[in-house]
Amino acid sequence: MSKVCFEIDRSLCQGHNRCAALAPDVFGIDDDGYAFTFDDGEVPDDLIDSAEDIVGACPEQAILLRTRP
């Protein structure tokens, strides 16, 4: 079964951290202030409906949604 995951393009991330504010169980902030995903970035069931909004909240468009096996 495929799963939907958030992926961060670290070359685009500027450390606005809106993703971590919207989904703190999925995104963390490293020591330099940039976002990363916990585990594999899998979108939890309770965030499926708002996943596109989370992606759209990134002003640098550094967050992508990917389908993984």
C-alpha atoms as a PDB file:
ATOM      1  CA  MET A   1       0.000   0.000   0.000  1.00  0.00           C
ATOM      2  CA  SER A   2       1.347   3.446  -0.920  1.00  0.00           C
ATOM      3  CA  LYS A   3       1.646   6.232   1.608  1.00  0.00           C
ATOM      4  CA  VAL A   4       1.713   9.990   1.174  1.00  0.00           C
ATOM      5  CA  CYS A   5       4.754  11.722   2.639  1.00  0.00           C
ATOM      6  CA  PHE A   6       5.996  15.249   3.063  1.00  0.00           C
ATOM      7  CA  GLU A   7       9.426  15.881   1.608  1.00  0.00           C
ATOM      8  CA  ILE A   8      11.534  18.990   2.177  1.00  0.00           C
ATOM      9  CA  ASP A   9      13.840  20.416  -0.447  1.00  0.00           C
ATOM     10  CA  ARG A  10      16.557  21.553   1.950  1.00  0.00           C
ATOM     11  CA  SER A  11      18.115  23.742  -0.735  1.00  0.00           C
ATOM     12  CA  LEU A  12      14.936  25.878  -0.746  1.00  0.00           C
ATOM     13  CA  CYS A  13      14.120  25.957   2.976  1.00  0.00           C
ATOM     14  CA  GLN A  14      14.770  29.378   4.503  1.00  0.00           C
ATOM     15  CA  GLY A  15      13.735  28.522   8.065  1.00  0.00           C
ATOM     16  CA  HIS A  16      10.333  30.202   8.249  1.00  0.00           C
ATOM     17  CA  ASN A  17       9.175  27.116  10.183  1.00  0.00           C
ATOM     18  CA  ARG A  18       5.496  27.411   9.295  1.00  0.00           C
ATOM     19  CA  CYS A  19       5.455  23.671   8.626  1.00  0.00           C
ATOM     20  CA  ALA A  20       6.567  22.885  12.183  1.00  0.00           C
ATOM     21  CA  ALA A  21       3.951  25.277  13.552  1.00  0.00           C
ATOM     22  CA  LEU A  22       1.183  23.587  11.527  1.00  0.00           C
ATOM     23  CA  ALA A  23       2.311  19.971  11.968  1.00  0.00           C
ATOM     24  CA  PRO A  24       4.721  19.657  14.923  1.00  0.00           C
ATOM     25  CA  ASP A  25       4.369  15.877  14.985  1.00  0.00           C
ATOM     26  CA  VAL A  26       5.714  15.658  11.425  1.00  0.00           C
ATOM     27  CA  PHE A  27       8.233  18.511  11.180  1.00  0.00           C
ATOM     28  CA  GLY A  28      11.100  19.481  13.432  1.00  0.00           C
ATOM     29  CA  ILE A  29      13.623  22.299  13.381  1.00  0.00           C
ATOM     30  CA  ASP A  30      17.347  21.560  13.340  1.00  0.00           C
ATOM     31  CA  ASP A  31      20.030  23.499  15.231  1.00  0.00           C
ATOM     32  CA  ASP A  32      20.440  25.873  12.284  1.00  0.00           C
ATOM     33  CA  GLY A  33      16.712  26.708  12.208  1.00  0.00           C
ATOM     34  CA  TYR A  34      15.774  24.665   9.141  1.00  0.00           C
ATOM     35  CA  ALA A  35      12.940  22.163   8.874  1.00  0.00           C
ATOM     36  CA  PHE A  36      13.235  18.415   8.660  1.00  0.00           C
ATOM     37  CA  THR A  37      10.696  15.595   8.770  1.00  0.00           C
ATOM     38  CA  PHE A  38      10.543  13.065  11.546  1.00  0.00           C
ATOM     39  CA  ASP A  39      10.830   9.449  10.440  1.00  0.00           C
ATOM     40  CA  ASP A  40       9.913   9.346   6.760  1.00  0.00           C
ATOM     41  CA  GLY A  41       7.606  12.380   6.710  1.00  0.00           C
ATOM     42  CA  GLU A  42       4.504  10.230   6.412  1.00  0.00           C
ATOM     43  CA  VAL A  43       1.335  12.311   6.461  1.00  0.00           C
ATOM     44  CA  PRO A  44      -0.738  11.172   9.454  1.00  0.00           C
ATOM     45  CA  ASP A  45      -4.358  10.287   8.816  1.00  0.00           C
ATOM     46  CA  ASP A  46      -5.555  13.344  10.745  1.00  0.00           C
ATOM     47  CA  LEU A  47      -3.579  15.659   8.421  1.00  0.00           C
ATOM     48  CA  ILE A  48      -4.527  14.138   5.065  1.00  0.00           C
ATOM     49  CA  ASP A  49      -7.220  16.763   4.475  1.00  0.00           C
ATOM     50  CA  SER A  50      -4.894  19.659   5.344  1.00  0.00           C
ATOM     51  CA  ALA A  51      -1.685  18.352   3.714  1.00  0.00           C
ATOM     52  CA  GLU A  52      -2.040  20.643   0.683  1.00  0.00           C
ATOM     53  CA  ASP A  53      -2.571  23.632   2.999  1.00  0.00           C
ATOM     54  CA  ILE A  54       0.631  22.781   4.862  1.00  0.00           C
ATOM     55  CA  VAL A  55       2.516  22.544   1.572  1.00  0.00           C
ATOM     56  CA  GLY A  56       1.017  25.863   0.461  1.00  0.00           C
ATOM     57  CA  ALA A  57       1.998  27.574   3.724  1.00  0.00           C
ATOM     58  CA  CYS A  58       5.689  27.341   2.856  1.00  0.00           C
ATOM     59  CA  PRO A  59       6.685  30.697   1.312  1.00  0.00           C
ATOM     60  CA  GLU A  60       9.701  29.106  -0.368  1.00  0.00           C
ATOM     61  CA  GLN A  61       7.727  26.147  -1.779  1.00  0.00           C
ATOM     62  CA  ALA A  62      10.245  23.818  -0.139  1.00  0.00           C
ATOM     63  CA  ILE A  63       7.670  21.204   0.907  1.00  0.00           C
ATOM     64  CA  LEU A  64       6.451  18.576  -1.517  1.00  0.00           C
ATOM     65  CA  LEU A  65       3.991  15.717  -1.259  1.00  0.00           C
ATOM     66  CA  ARG A  66       5.255  12.404  -2.537  1.00  0.00           C
ATOM     67  CA  THR A  67       3.677   8.997  -2.801  1.00  0.00           C
ATOM     68  CA  ARG A  68       5.966   6.211  -1.665  1.00  0.00           C
ATOM     69  CA  PRO A  69       5.510   2.465  -1.756  1.00  0.00           C
END
